[in-house]
Amino acid sequence: MSTLLRDDCLARTSEALIDLHRRLDGATAAEISFRTWTPRSERKQRQRLFVETTVHGEARYVAKVPLDPDDAMVDREWSILTGLDGLDLPRPRPVGRLGRGFVMSYVPFSDFPAFMAASAPDEWPDLLCAGVELAARLHRQGPRPTGVTPRAVAATYLPDRLGLPQATLDWLDRADIAPTHGDLGPWNLRVDQHGRLALIDWEDYRPIGLPALDVLNLVITAALIAFPDYPERGFDWLYDQVFHERNPFRTAADRALNRYALLTGQDVEAVVGLTPVLCHWMIRRIADQGRPTGHLFFGPFTERFEAETPRWSGGGRG
C-alpha cells in the first residue's frame, strides 16, 4: 500500500476513534493521544494498521485495520472475538466495528519476547510455565470434541502432507483434540509486571484443533529468544540446544512441557512427538501469507527430528 493510501486510512481511523471515545467515555479530541504502527514483516499480503488511543496517560483502545483489500482475516478475528464471550481468559475484548477493521480493548502488558529477553535464565521456567498454563486453560474450555479423529483434524492443517513419517503418525493417533489459539508464538503473549499473561491475535483460532501445536509453537520458538546468537551458530546448533543439550532453556522447556502434560492428562512424549506437524504447518501457513520460509528454523528442525525421532524425557545431555 502506498504511503498516501496508508495516511488516508490512518486519518479516517483516527476520526472514527475520536467519535468512538466521544460516545463511550466522553473524551474529547484534545484529550486523546494516538500511537500508530504497521508491524514490520516480510508479508507481501495482509498488512495491518494498528492505532492505539490514550486518554490522560491511560491506554484505552486499539484499532486493527486491514491495509490489503483482499484481507479477510481481520473480519474473521472480529467474528471470533465476539463469539468468545464465555471464554474465561485474559485477552482483548471487542469494542466495535471500524469499517473493514475493528476496535478492541487495550491489553496493558509487555511483549513476551522482550520480557523473556530481559529476564534472568532462572526466571524462564516460571515464565514458560505461565504460558503453557494459559494455553491449558484455553484447551480445557468446554467439552472435548467428539466424532473426529486426530488424523482428520491434522488434515485441516496439512491437507496434502499426511505422508508424515510413521513415528509421527503414531504420536498423532494419541493426540488430544481441543479448541486452539492457532498462532501461539511468543509474540502473541503479553506479560505484566507480576508475570501474568494475556493472549492476543485470535484470527487463527480453531474450535477443533491440535492443542499440542499451540504449546510447541510457544516453547520451541522461545529458543530464539534464549539463544540470540543462533543466526551465527546455525539451526543444527539451535536444535541441539533444544533437544539434546542441558542448559537453562532446556530446563525451562522441560518444566513447561511436563507442566502442560500434567494439566491436560497427556504424555509429554506425545506432545513433543508432533513437532514435525507443527513445523510443516508453519511452513505452509507462512508461505500462504506470501512470506519466505527458507530462513526459518522449521525446515531444519523437521529434517533433524524426523531423522532422529528423539525422546524428550531424559533427552538433555551434559
C-alpha atoms as a PDB file:
ATOM      1  CA  MET A   1       0.000   0.000   0.000  1.00  0.00           C
ATOM      2  CA  SER A   2       1.291   3.473  -0.860  1.00  0.00           C
ATOM      3  CA  THR A   3       2.133   5.978   1.856  1.00  0.00           C
ATOM      4  CA  LEU A   4      -0.702   8.215   0.613  1.00  0.00           C
ATOM      5  CA  LEU A   5      -3.308   5.475   0.967  1.00  0.00           C
ATOM      6  CA  ARG A   6      -1.971   4.460   4.370  1.00  0.00           C
ATOM      7  CA  ASP A   7      -2.108   8.065   5.581  1.00  0.00           C
ATOM      8  CA  ASP A   8      -5.685   8.338   4.347  1.00  0.00           C
ATOM      9  CA  CYS A   9      -6.592   5.125   6.213  1.00  0.00           C
ATOM     10  CA  LEU A  10      -4.918   6.474   9.350  1.00  0.00           C
ATOM     11  CA  ALA A  11      -6.805   9.775   9.131  1.00  0.00           C
ATOM     12  CA  ARG A  12     -10.156   8.012   8.748  1.00  0.00           C
ATOM     13  CA  THR A  13      -9.359   5.581  11.554  1.00  0.00           C
ATOM     14  CA  SER A  14      -8.335   8.396  13.900  1.00  0.00           C
ATOM     15  CA  GLU A  15     -11.546  10.308  13.231  1.00  0.00           C
ATOM     16  CA  ALA A  16     -13.604   7.174  13.870  1.00  0.00           C
ATOM     17  CA  LEU A  17     -11.773   6.569  17.152  1.00  0.00           C
ATOM     18  CA  ILE A  18     -12.419  10.142  18.282  1.00  0.00           C
ATOM     19  CA  ASP A  19     -16.119   9.581  17.626  1.00  0.00           C
ATOM     20  CA  LEU A  20     -15.996   6.254  19.492  1.00  0.00           C
ATOM     21  CA  HIS A  21     -14.424   7.877  22.546  1.00  0.00           C
ATOM     22  CA  ARG A  22     -16.978  10.675  22.486  1.00  0.00           C
ATOM     23  CA  ARG A  23     -19.816   8.133  22.556  1.00  0.00           C
ATOM     24  CA  LEU A  24     -18.317   5.649  25.042  1.00  0.00           C
ATOM     25  CA  ASP A  25     -16.420   7.696  27.601  1.00  0.00           C
ATOM     26  CA  GLY A  26     -16.982  11.345  26.711  1.00  0.00           C
ATOM     27  CA  ALA A  27     -13.327  12.061  25.912  1.00  0.00           C
ATOM     28  CA  THR A  28     -12.756  14.986  23.551  1.00  0.00           C
ATOM     29  CA  ALA A  29     -10.339  15.058  20.631  1.00  0.00           C
ATOM     30  CA  ALA A  30      -7.980  17.273  22.614  1.00  0.00           C
ATOM     31  CA  GLU A  31      -7.747  14.665  25.380  1.00  0.00           C
ATOM     32  CA  ILE A  32      -6.874  11.745  23.074  1.00  0.00           C
ATOM     33  CA  SER A  33      -3.343  10.790  22.054  1.00  0.00           C
ATOM     34  CA  PHE A  34      -2.574   8.306  19.302  1.00  0.00           C
ATOM     35  CA  ARG A  35       0.165   5.765  18.683  1.00  0.00           C
ATOM     36  CA  THR A  36       0.257   4.028  15.316  1.00  0.00           C
ATOM     37  CA  TRP A  37       2.265   1.182  13.851  1.00  0.00           C
ATOM     38  CA  THR A  38       2.325  -1.281  10.999  1.00  0.00           C
ATOM     39  CA  PRO A  39       4.130  -4.433  12.170  1.00  0.00           C
ATOM     40  CA  ARG A  40       7.413  -4.995  10.386  1.00  0.00           C
ATOM     41  CA  SER A  41       7.029  -8.157   8.382  1.00  0.00           C
ATOM     42  CA  GLU A  42       8.105  -9.883   5.210  1.00  0.00           C
ATOM     43  CA  ARG A  43       4.479 -10.353   4.296  1.00  0.00           C
ATOM     44  CA  LYS A  44       3.586  -9.336   0.769  1.00  0.00           C
ATOM     45  CA  GLN A  45      -0.089  -9.518   1.690  1.00  0.00           C
ATOM     46  CA  ARG A  46      -2.332  -8.852   4.689  1.00  0.00           C
ATOM     47  CA  GLN A  47      -0.508  -5.920   6.246  1.00  0.00           C
ATOM     48  CA  ARG A  48      -2.407  -4.172   9.038  1.00  0.00           C
ATOM     49  CA  LEU A  49      -2.547  -0.722  10.558  1.00  0.00           C
ATOM     50  CA  PHE A  50      -2.804  -0.505  14.353  1.00  0.00           C
ATOM     51  CA  VAL A  51      -3.876   2.656  16.150  1.00  0.00           C
ATOM     52  CA  GLU A  52      -3.778   2.873  19.944  1.00  0.00           C
ATOM     53  CA  THR A  53      -5.606   5.607  21.835  1.00  0.00           C
ATOM     54  CA  THR A  54      -4.603   7.066  25.193  1.00  0.00           C
ATOM     55  CA  VAL A  55      -6.660   9.399  27.385  1.00  0.00           C
ATOM     56  CA  HIS A  56      -4.878  11.285  30.170  1.00  0.00           C
ATOM     57  CA  GLY A  57      -1.962   8.871  30.011  1.00  0.00           C
ATOM     58  CA  GLU A  58      -4.099   5.717  30.158  1.00  0.00           C
ATOM     59  CA  ALA A  59      -4.225   3.477  27.078  1.00  0.00           C
ATOM     60  CA  ARG A  60      -7.829   2.621  26.239  1.00  0.00           C
ATOM     61  CA  TYR A  61      -8.400   1.060  22.812  1.00  0.00           C
ATOM     62  CA  VAL A  62      -6.564  -0.424  19.848  1.00  0.00           C
ATOM     63  CA  ALA A  63      -7.918  -0.356  16.301  1.00  0.00           C
ATOM     64  CA  LYS A  64      -6.826  -3.080  13.865  1.00  0.00           C
ATOM     65  CA  VAL A  65      -7.448  -2.202  10.225  1.00  0.00           C
ATOM     66  CA  PRO A  66      -6.514  -4.273   7.156  1.00  0.00           C
ATOM     67  CA  LEU A  67      -4.499  -2.445   4.516  1.00  0.00           C
ATOM     68  CA  ASP A  68      -4.960  -5.170   1.905  1.00  0.00           C
ATOM     69  CA  PRO A  69      -8.431  -5.098   0.271  1.00  0.00           C
ATOM     70  CA  ASP A  70      -8.351  -8.903  -0.021  1.00  0.00           C
ATOM     71  CA  ASP A  71      -7.524  -9.461   3.667  1.00  0.00           C
ATOM     72  CA  ALA A  72     -10.464 -11.295   5.226  1.00  0.00           C
ATOM     73  CA  MET A  73      -8.644 -12.401   8.399  1.00  0.00           C
ATOM     74  CA  VAL A  74      -9.298  -9.195  10.365  1.00  0.00           C
ATOM     75  CA  ASP A  75     -13.019  -9.657   9.795  1.00  0.00           C
ATOM     76  CA  ARG A  76     -12.621 -13.276  10.881  1.00  0.00           C
ATOM     77  CA  GLU A  77     -10.881 -12.202  14.089  1.00  0.00           C
ATOM     78  CA  TRP A  78     -13.748  -9.843  14.897  1.00  0.00           C
ATOM     79  CA  SER A  79     -16.205 -12.711  14.499  1.00  0.00           C
ATOM     80  CA  ILE A  80     -14.055 -14.894  16.746  1.00  0.00           C
ATOM     81  CA  LEU A  81     -13.643 -12.274  19.476  1.00  0.00           C
ATOM     82  CA  THR A  82     -17.364 -11.575  19.579  1.00  0.00           C
ATOM     83  CA  GLY A  83     -18.026 -15.301  19.857  1.00  0.00           C
ATOM     84  CA  LEU A  84     -15.678 -15.852  22.803  1.00  0.00           C
ATOM     85  CA  ASP A  85     -17.838 -14.217  25.461  1.00  0.00           C
ATOM     86  CA  GLY A  86     -17.851 -17.362  27.590  1.00  0.00           C
ATOM     87  CA  LEU A  87     -14.094 -17.860  27.328  1.00  0.00           C
ATOM     88  CA  ASP A  88     -12.553 -17.054  30.704  1.00  0.00           C
ATOM     89  CA  LEU A  89      -9.092 -15.922  29.596  1.00  0.00           C
ATOM     90  CA  PRO A  90      -7.212 -12.605  29.773  1.00  0.00           C
ATOM     91  CA  ARG A  91      -7.471 -11.243  26.220  1.00  0.00           C
ATOM     92  CA  PRO A  92      -8.634  -8.195  24.251  1.00  0.00           C
ATOM     93  CA  ARG A  93     -12.374  -7.557  24.351  1.00  0.00           C
ATOM     94  CA  PRO A  94     -14.271  -6.491  21.221  1.00  0.00           C
ATOM     95  CA  VAL A  95     -15.461  -2.879  21.353  1.00  0.00           C
ATOM     96  CA  GLY A  96     -16.901  -2.122  17.918  1.00  0.00           C
ATOM     97  CA  ARG A  97     -16.520  -2.345  14.161  1.00  0.00           C
ATOM     98  CA  LEU A  98     -14.484   0.240  12.322  1.00  0.00           C
ATOM     99  CA  GLY A  99     -15.027  -0.022   8.591  1.00  0.00           C
ATOM    100  CA  ARG A 100     -13.285  -3.218   7.497  1.00  0.00           C
ATOM    101  CA  GLY A 101     -11.445  -3.345  10.816  1.00  0.00           C
ATOM    102  CA  PHE A 102     -12.431  -3.261  14.460  1.00  0.00           C
ATOM    103  CA  VAL A 103     -11.629  -1.759  17.842  1.00  0.00           C
ATOM    104  CA  MET A 104     -10.676  -3.834  20.873  1.00  0.00           C
ATOM    105  CA  SER A 105      -9.735  -3.122  24.448  1.00  0.00           C
ATOM    106  CA  TYR A 106      -6.088  -2.388  25.159  1.00  0.00           C
ATOM    107  CA  VAL A 107      -4.153  -5.204  26.816  1.00  0.00           C
ATOM    108  CA  PRO A 108      -1.702  -3.389  29.128  1.00  0.00           C
ATOM    109  CA  PHE A 109       1.128  -5.879  29.102  1.00  0.00           C
ATOM    110  CA  SER A 110       4.708  -6.051  27.889  1.00  0.00           C
ATOM    111  CA  ASP A 111       5.723  -8.055  24.845  1.00  0.00           C
ATOM    112  CA  PHE A 112       6.604 -11.642  25.880  1.00  0.00           C
ATOM    113  CA  PRO A 113       9.841 -11.880  23.827  1.00  0.00           C
ATOM    114  CA  ALA A 114      11.127  -8.608  25.278  1.00  0.00           C
ATOM    115  CA  PHE A 115      10.102  -9.664  28.791  1.00  0.00           C
ATOM    116  CA  MET A 116      11.845 -13.029  28.480  1.00  0.00           C
ATOM    117  CA  ALA A 117      14.971 -11.487  26.950  1.00  0.00           C
ATOM    118  CA  ALA A 118      15.192  -9.102  29.905  1.00  0.00           C
ATOM    119  CA  SER A 119      14.651 -11.893  32.458  1.00  0.00           C
ATOM    120  CA  ALA A 120      17.363 -13.960  34.109  1.00  0.00           C
ATOM    121  CA  PRO A 121      17.542 -17.579  32.860  1.00  0.00           C
ATOM    122  CA  ASP A 122      16.441 -18.873  36.266  1.00  0.00           C
ATOM    123  CA  GLU A 123      13.165 -16.985  35.712  1.00  0.00           C
ATOM    124  CA  TRP A 124      12.434 -18.696  32.396  1.00  0.00           C
ATOM    125  CA  PRO A 125      10.828 -21.828  33.897  1.00  0.00           C
ATOM    126  CA  ASP A 126       8.135 -19.824  35.676  1.00  0.00           C
ATOM    127  CA  LEU A 127       7.581 -17.665  32.596  1.00  0.00           C
ATOM    128  CA  LEU A 128       7.182 -20.588  30.188  1.00  0.00           C
ATOM    129  CA  CYS A 129       5.052 -22.464  32.726  1.00  0.00           C
ATOM    130  CA  ALA A 130       2.736 -19.442  32.920  1.00  0.00           C
ATOM    131  CA  GLY A 131       2.441 -19.571  29.137  1.00  0.00           C
ATOM    132  CA  VAL A 132       1.529 -23.248  28.949  1.00  0.00           C
ATOM    133  CA  GLU A 133      -0.868 -22.901  31.889  1.00  0.00           C
ATOM    134  CA  LEU A 134      -2.719 -20.195  29.970  1.00  0.00           C
ATOM    135  CA  ALA A 135      -2.757 -22.458  26.917  1.00  0.00           C
ATOM    136  CA  ALA A 136      -4.113 -25.328  29.010  1.00  0.00           C
ATOM    137  CA  ARG A 137      -6.935 -23.099  30.250  1.00  0.00           C
ATOM    138  CA  LEU A 138      -7.917 -22.444  26.654  1.00  0.00           C
ATOM    139  CA  HIS A 139      -7.591 -26.084  25.631  1.00  0.00           C
ATOM    140  CA  ARG A 140      -9.756 -27.280  28.522  1.00  0.00           C
ATOM    141  CA  GLN A 141     -12.600 -24.830  27.844  1.00  0.00           C
ATOM    142  CA  GLY A 142     -15.820 -26.699  27.114  1.00  0.00           C
ATOM    143  CA  PRO A 143     -16.340 -30.375  26.295  1.00  0.00           C
ATOM    144  CA  ARG A 144     -13.763 -32.275  24.272  1.00  0.00           C
ATOM    145  CA  PRO A 145     -14.817 -32.531  20.595  1.00  0.00           C
ATOM    146  CA  THR A 146     -16.147 -35.949  19.633  1.00  0.00           C
ATOM    147  CA  GLY A 147     -16.747 -37.747  16.363  1.00  0.00           C
ATOM    148  CA  VAL A 148     -13.458 -36.684  14.798  1.00  0.00           C
ATOM    149  CA  THR A 149     -10.028 -38.298  14.792  1.00  0.00           C
ATOM    150  CA  PRO A 150      -6.673 -36.555  15.293  1.00  0.00           C
ATOM    151  CA  ARG A 151      -5.662 -37.512  11.748  1.00  0.00           C
ATOM    152  CA  ALA A 152      -8.800 -35.880  10.361  1.00  0.00           C
ATOM    153  CA  VAL A 153      -8.038 -32.731  12.356  1.00  0.00           C
ATOM    154  CA  ALA A 154      -4.414 -32.805  11.156  1.00  0.00           C
ATOM    155  CA  ALA A 155      -5.684 -32.891   7.574  1.00  0.00           C
ATOM    156  CA  THR A 156      -7.245 -29.451   8.121  1.00  0.00           C
ATOM    157  CA  TYR A 157      -3.735 -28.150   8.831  1.00  0.00           C
ATOM    158  CA  LEU A 158      -1.907 -30.153   6.173  1.00  0.00           C
ATOM    159  CA  PRO A 159      -4.389 -31.402   3.561  1.00  0.00           C
ATOM    160  CA  ASP A 160      -1.601 -32.515   1.224  1.00  0.00           C
ATOM    161  CA  ARG A 161       1.030 -33.502   3.793  1.00  0.00           C
ATOM    162  CA  LEU A 162      -0.305 -36.524   5.609  1.00  0.00           C
ATOM    163  CA  GLY A 163       2.597 -38.516   4.204  1.00  0.00           C
ATOM    164  CA  LEU A 164       4.247 -37.920   7.567  1.00  0.00           C
ATOM    165  CA  PRO A 165       6.691 -40.499   8.973  1.00  0.00           C
ATOM    166  CA  GLN A 166       5.087 -43.436  10.725  1.00  0.00           C
ATOM    167  CA  ALA A 167       6.551 -42.377  14.066  1.00  0.00           C
ATOM    168  CA  THR A 168       4.795 -39.004  13.754  1.00  0.00           C
ATOM    169  CA  LEU A 169       1.536 -40.660  12.695  1.00  0.00           C
ATOM    170  CA  ASP A 170       1.741 -42.935  15.743  1.00  0.00           C
ATOM    171  CA  TRP A 171       2.038 -39.888  18.018  1.00  0.00           C
ATOM    172  CA  LEU A 172      -0.719 -38.169  16.066  1.00  0.00           C
ATOM    173  CA  ASP A 173      -3.100 -41.042  16.796  1.00  0.00           C
ATOM    174  CA  ARG A 174      -2.608 -40.304  20.509  1.00  0.00           C
ATOM    175  CA  ALA A 175      -3.006 -36.538  20.134  1.00  0.00           C
ATOM    176  CA  ASP A 176      -5.557 -34.544  22.051  1.00  0.00           C
ATOM    177  CA  ILE A 177      -8.228 -32.507  20.244  1.00  0.00           C
ATOM    178  CA  ALA A 178      -9.464 -29.194  21.660  1.00  0.00           C
ATOM    179  CA  PRO A 179     -10.028 -25.506  20.879  1.00  0.00           C
ATOM    180  CA  THR A 180      -6.742 -23.855  19.911  1.00  0.00           C
ATOM    181  CA  HIS A 181      -5.401 -20.330  19.546  1.00  0.00           C
ATOM    182  CA  GLY A 182      -3.729 -21.244  16.268  1.00  0.00           C
ATOM    183  CA  ASP A 183      -0.766 -18.853  16.439  1.00  0.00           C
ATOM    184  CA  LEU A 184       0.550 -19.139  19.967  1.00  0.00           C
ATOM    185  CA  GLY A 185       4.071 -17.960  19.280  1.00  0.00           C
ATOM    186  CA  PRO A 186       5.741 -15.849  21.977  1.00  0.00           C
ATOM    187  CA  TRP A 187       4.858 -12.666  20.056  1.00  0.00           C
ATOM    188  CA  ASN A 188       1.159 -13.215  20.741  1.00  0.00           C
ATOM    189  CA  LEU A 189       1.527 -13.176  24.520  1.00  0.00           C
ATOM    190  CA  ARG A 190       1.665 -10.135  26.771  1.00  0.00           C
ATOM    191  CA  VAL A 191       3.139 -10.158  30.275  1.00  0.00           C
ATOM    192  CA  ASP A 192       2.519  -7.778  33.171  1.00  0.00           C
ATOM    193  CA  GLN A 193       4.966  -6.855  35.912  1.00  0.00           C
ATOM    194  CA  HIS A 194       3.724  -9.769  38.035  1.00  0.00           C
ATOM    195  CA  GLY A 195       4.251 -12.367  35.292  1.00  0.00           C
ATOM    196  CA  ARG A 196       0.562 -12.691  34.438  1.00  0.00           C
ATOM    197  CA  LEU A 197      -0.103 -13.342  30.777  1.00  0.00           C
ATOM    198  CA  ALA A 198      -2.748 -12.442  28.209  1.00  0.00           C
ATOM    199  CA  LEU A 199      -3.365 -13.804  24.701  1.00  0.00           C
ATOM    200  CA  ILE A 200      -3.708 -11.538  21.666  1.00  0.00           C
ATOM    201  CA  ASP A 201      -4.241 -12.010  17.905  1.00  0.00           C
ATOM    202  CA  TRP A 202      -7.083 -14.517  17.649  1.00  0.00           C
ATOM    203  CA  GLU A 203      -7.552 -14.635  13.885  1.00  0.00           C
ATOM    204  CA  ASP A 204      -6.273 -18.242  13.627  1.00  0.00           C
ATOM    205  CA  TYR A 205      -8.449 -19.634  16.451  1.00  0.00           C
ATOM    206  CA  ARG A 206      -9.891 -23.092  15.812  1.00  0.00           C
ATOM    207  CA  PRO A 207     -12.773 -24.577  17.805  1.00  0.00           C
ATOM    208  CA  ILE A 208     -11.391 -28.013  16.890  1.00  0.00           C
ATOM    209  CA  GLY A 209      -7.623 -28.222  16.608  1.00  0.00           C
ATOM    210  CA  LEU A 210      -4.452 -29.924  17.798  1.00  0.00           C
ATOM    211  CA  PRO A 211      -3.583 -28.175  21.081  1.00  0.00           C
ATOM    212  CA  ALA A 212      -0.064 -29.626  21.172  1.00  0.00           C
ATOM    213  CA  LEU A 213       0.798 -27.320  18.265  1.00  0.00           C
ATOM    214  CA  ASP A 214      -0.029 -24.249  20.374  1.00  0.00           C
ATOM    215  CA  VAL A 215       2.284 -25.353  23.148  1.00  0.00           C
ATOM    216  CA  LEU A 216       5.125 -26.469  20.885  1.00  0.00           C
ATOM    217  CA  ASN A 217       4.923 -23.186  18.995  1.00  0.00           C
ATOM    218  CA  LEU A 218       5.328 -21.267  22.235  1.00  0.00           C
ATOM    219  CA  VAL A 219       8.052 -23.379  23.841  1.00  0.00           C
ATOM    220  CA  ILE A 220      10.230 -24.238  20.845  1.00  0.00           C
ATOM    221  CA  THR A 221      10.060 -20.744  19.345  1.00  0.00           C
ATOM    222  CA  ALA A 222      11.105 -19.301  22.713  1.00  0.00           C
ATOM    223  CA  ALA A 223      14.516 -20.821  22.000  1.00  0.00           C
ATOM    224  CA  LEU A 224      15.090 -17.984  19.529  1.00  0.00           C
ATOM    225  CA  ILE A 225      14.859 -15.604  22.488  1.00  0.00           C
ATOM    226  CA  ALA A 226      17.008 -17.736  24.784  1.00  0.00           C
ATOM    227  CA  PHE A 227      19.759 -18.094  22.180  1.00  0.00           C
ATOM    228  CA  PRO A 228      20.013 -14.749  20.362  1.00  0.00           C
ATOM    229  CA  ASP A 229      23.306 -15.848  18.779  1.00  0.00           C
ATOM    230  CA  TYR A 230      21.629 -18.678  16.841  1.00  0.00           C
ATOM    231  CA  PRO A 231      21.986 -16.887  13.452  1.00  0.00           C
ATOM    232  CA  GLU A 232      25.762 -17.144  13.751  1.00  0.00           C
ATOM    233  CA  ARG A 233      25.778 -20.695  15.154  1.00  0.00           C
ATOM    234  CA  GLY A 234      23.161 -22.201  12.831  1.00  0.00           C
ATOM    235  CA  PHE A 235      19.968 -24.184  13.181  1.00  0.00           C
ATOM    236  CA  ASP A 236      21.698 -27.529  13.805  1.00  0.00           C
ATOM    237  CA  TRP A 237      23.326 -25.973  16.866  1.00  0.00           C
ATOM    238  CA  LEU A 238      19.989 -24.489  17.960  1.00  0.00           C
ATOM    239  CA  TYR A 239      18.263 -27.846  17.532  1.00  0.00           C
ATOM    240  CA  ASP A 240      20.860 -29.465  19.774  1.00  0.00           C
ATOM    241  CA  GLN A 241      20.261 -26.817  22.456  1.00  0.00           C
ATOM    242  CA  VAL A 242      16.532 -27.560  22.407  1.00  0.00           C
ATOM    243  CA  PHE A 243      16.531 -31.358  22.129  1.00  0.00           C
ATOM    244  CA  HIS A 244      19.916 -32.636  23.296  1.00  0.00           C
ATOM    245  CA  GLU A 245      21.946 -30.299  25.482  1.00  0.00           C
ATOM    246  CA  ARG A 246      21.491 -29.421  29.142  1.00  0.00           C
ATOM    247  CA  ASN A 247      21.157 -25.673  29.531  1.00  0.00           C
ATOM    248  CA  PRO A 248      18.845 -23.179  31.292  1.00  0.00           C
ATOM    249  CA  PHE A 249      16.465 -23.041  28.341  1.00  0.00           C
ATOM    250  CA  ARG A 250      16.134 -26.815  28.166  1.00  0.00           C
ATOM    251  CA  THR A 251      15.408 -26.851  31.902  1.00  0.00           C
ATOM    252  CA  ALA A 252      12.674 -24.247  31.416  1.00  0.00           C
ATOM    253  CA  ALA A 253      11.211 -26.005  28.372  1.00  0.00           C
ATOM    254  CA  ASP A 254      11.205 -29.347  30.177  1.00  0.00           C
ATOM    255  CA  ARG A 255       9.358 -27.917  33.155  1.00  0.00           C
ATOM    256  CA  ALA A 256       6.832 -26.168  30.924  1.00  0.00           C
ATOM    257  CA  LEU A 257       6.067 -29.153  28.700  1.00  0.00           C
ATOM    258  CA  ASN A 258       5.762 -31.519  31.659  1.00  0.00           C
ATOM    259  CA  ARG A 259       3.533 -28.999  33.419  1.00  0.00           C
ATOM    260  CA  TYR A 260       1.284 -28.821  30.362  1.00  0.00           C
ATOM    261  CA  ALA A 261       1.178 -32.623  30.064  1.00  0.00           C
ATOM    262  CA  LEU A 262       0.162 -32.889  33.716  1.00  0.00           C
ATOM    263  CA  LEU A 263      -2.578 -30.268  33.401  1.00  0.00           C
ATOM    264  CA  THR A 264      -4.084 -31.879  30.311  1.00  0.00           C
ATOM    265  CA  GLY A 265      -3.565 -35.546  31.154  1.00  0.00           C
ATOM    266  CA  GLN A 266      -1.229 -36.201  28.236  1.00  0.00           C
ATOM    267  CA  ASP A 267       2.119 -37.920  27.791  1.00  0.00           C
ATOM    268  CA  VAL A 268       4.824 -35.302  27.247  1.00  0.00           C
ATOM    269  CA  GLU A 269       6.348 -37.522  24.551  1.00  0.00           C
ATOM    270  CA  ALA A 270       3.042 -37.474  22.668  1.00  0.00           C
ATOM    271  CA  VAL A 271       3.053 -33.676  22.764  1.00  0.00           C
ATOM    272  CA  VAL A 272       6.669 -33.313  21.609  1.00  0.00           C
ATOM    273  CA  GLY A 273       6.165 -36.037  19.011  1.00  0.00           C
ATOM    274  CA  LEU A 274       4.018 -33.633  16.977  1.00  0.00           C
ATOM    275  CA  THR A 275       6.973 -31.293  16.359  1.00  0.00           C
ATOM    276  CA  PRO A 276       7.083 -32.252  12.638  1.00  0.00           C
ATOM    277  CA  VAL A 277       3.381 -31.440  12.293  1.00  0.00           C
ATOM    278  CA  LEU A 278       3.977 -28.000  13.794  1.00  0.00           C
ATOM    279  CA  CYS A 279       6.948 -27.333  11.526  1.00  0.00           C
ATOM    280  CA  HIS A 280       5.264 -28.492   8.311  1.00  0.00           C
ATOM    281  CA  TRP A 281       2.171 -26.484   9.167  1.00  0.00           C
ATOM    282  CA  MET A 282       4.067 -23.309   9.998  1.00  0.00           C
ATOM    283  CA  ILE A 283       5.968 -23.514   6.708  1.00  0.00           C
ATOM    284  CA  ARG A 284       2.689 -23.893   4.820  1.00  0.00           C
ATOM    285  CA  ARG A 285       0.940 -21.152   6.779  1.00  0.00           C
ATOM    286  CA  ILE A 286       3.755 -18.622   6.354  1.00  0.00           C
ATOM    287  CA  ALA A 287       4.163 -19.398   2.647  1.00  0.00           C
ATOM    288  CA  ASP A 288       0.420 -18.892   2.149  1.00  0.00           C
ATOM    289  CA  GLN A 289       0.873 -15.370   3.535  1.00  0.00           C
ATOM    290  CA  GLY A 290       3.355 -14.599   0.764  1.00  0.00           C
ATOM    291  CA  ARG A 291       6.357 -14.703   3.099  1.00  0.00           C
ATOM    292  CA  PRO A 292       9.626 -16.622   2.583  1.00  0.00           C
ATOM    293  CA  THR A 293      10.333 -19.613   4.820  1.00  0.00           C
ATOM    294  CA  GLY A 294      13.865 -20.694   3.917  1.00  0.00           C
ATOM    295  CA  HIS A 295      15.466 -18.566   6.630  1.00  0.00           C
ATOM    296  CA  LEU A 296      13.301 -20.030   9.426  1.00  0.00           C
ATOM    297  CA  PHE A 297      14.105 -22.935  11.752  1.00  0.00           C
ATOM    298  CA  PHE A 298      11.064 -25.041  10.863  1.00  0.00           C
ATOM    299  CA  GLY A 299      12.612 -26.831   7.869  1.00  0.00           C
ATOM    300  CA  PRO A 300      15.928 -27.776   9.525  1.00  0.00           C
ATOM    301  CA  PHE A 301      14.159 -28.819  12.732  1.00  0.00           C
ATOM    302  CA  THR A 302      11.785 -31.062  10.777  1.00  0.00           C
ATOM    303  CA  GLU A 303      14.643 -32.814   8.993  1.00  0.00           C
ATOM    304  CA  ARG A 304      16.563 -33.459  12.209  1.00  0.00           C
ATOM    305  CA  PHE A 305      13.513 -34.540  14.205  1.00  0.00           C
ATOM    306  CA  GLU A 306      12.218 -36.937  11.550  1.00  0.00           C
ATOM    307  CA  ALA A 307      15.688 -38.441  11.125  1.00  0.00           C
ATOM    308  CA  GLU A 308      16.249 -38.926  14.864  1.00  0.00           C
ATOM    309  CA  THR A 309      12.785 -39.227  16.432  1.00  0.00           C
ATOM    310  CA  PRO A 310      14.299 -38.025  19.731  1.00  0.00           C
ATOM    311  CA  ARG A 311      12.762 -38.743  23.082  1.00  0.00           C
ATOM    312  CA  TRP A 312      12.112 -35.691  25.205  1.00  0.00           C
ATOM    313  CA  SER A 313      12.308 -37.203  28.690  1.00  0.00           C
ATOM    314  CA  GLY A 314      15.941 -37.552  29.646  1.00  0.00           C
ATOM    315  CA  GLY A 315      16.965 -36.192  26.264  1.00  0.00           C
ATOM    316  CA  GLY A 316      19.322 -33.499  27.561  1.00  0.00           C
ATOM    317  CA  ARG A 317      22.977 -34.433  27.750  1.00  0.00           C
ATOM    318  CA  GLY A 318      25.667 -32.801  29.821  1.00  0.00           C
END
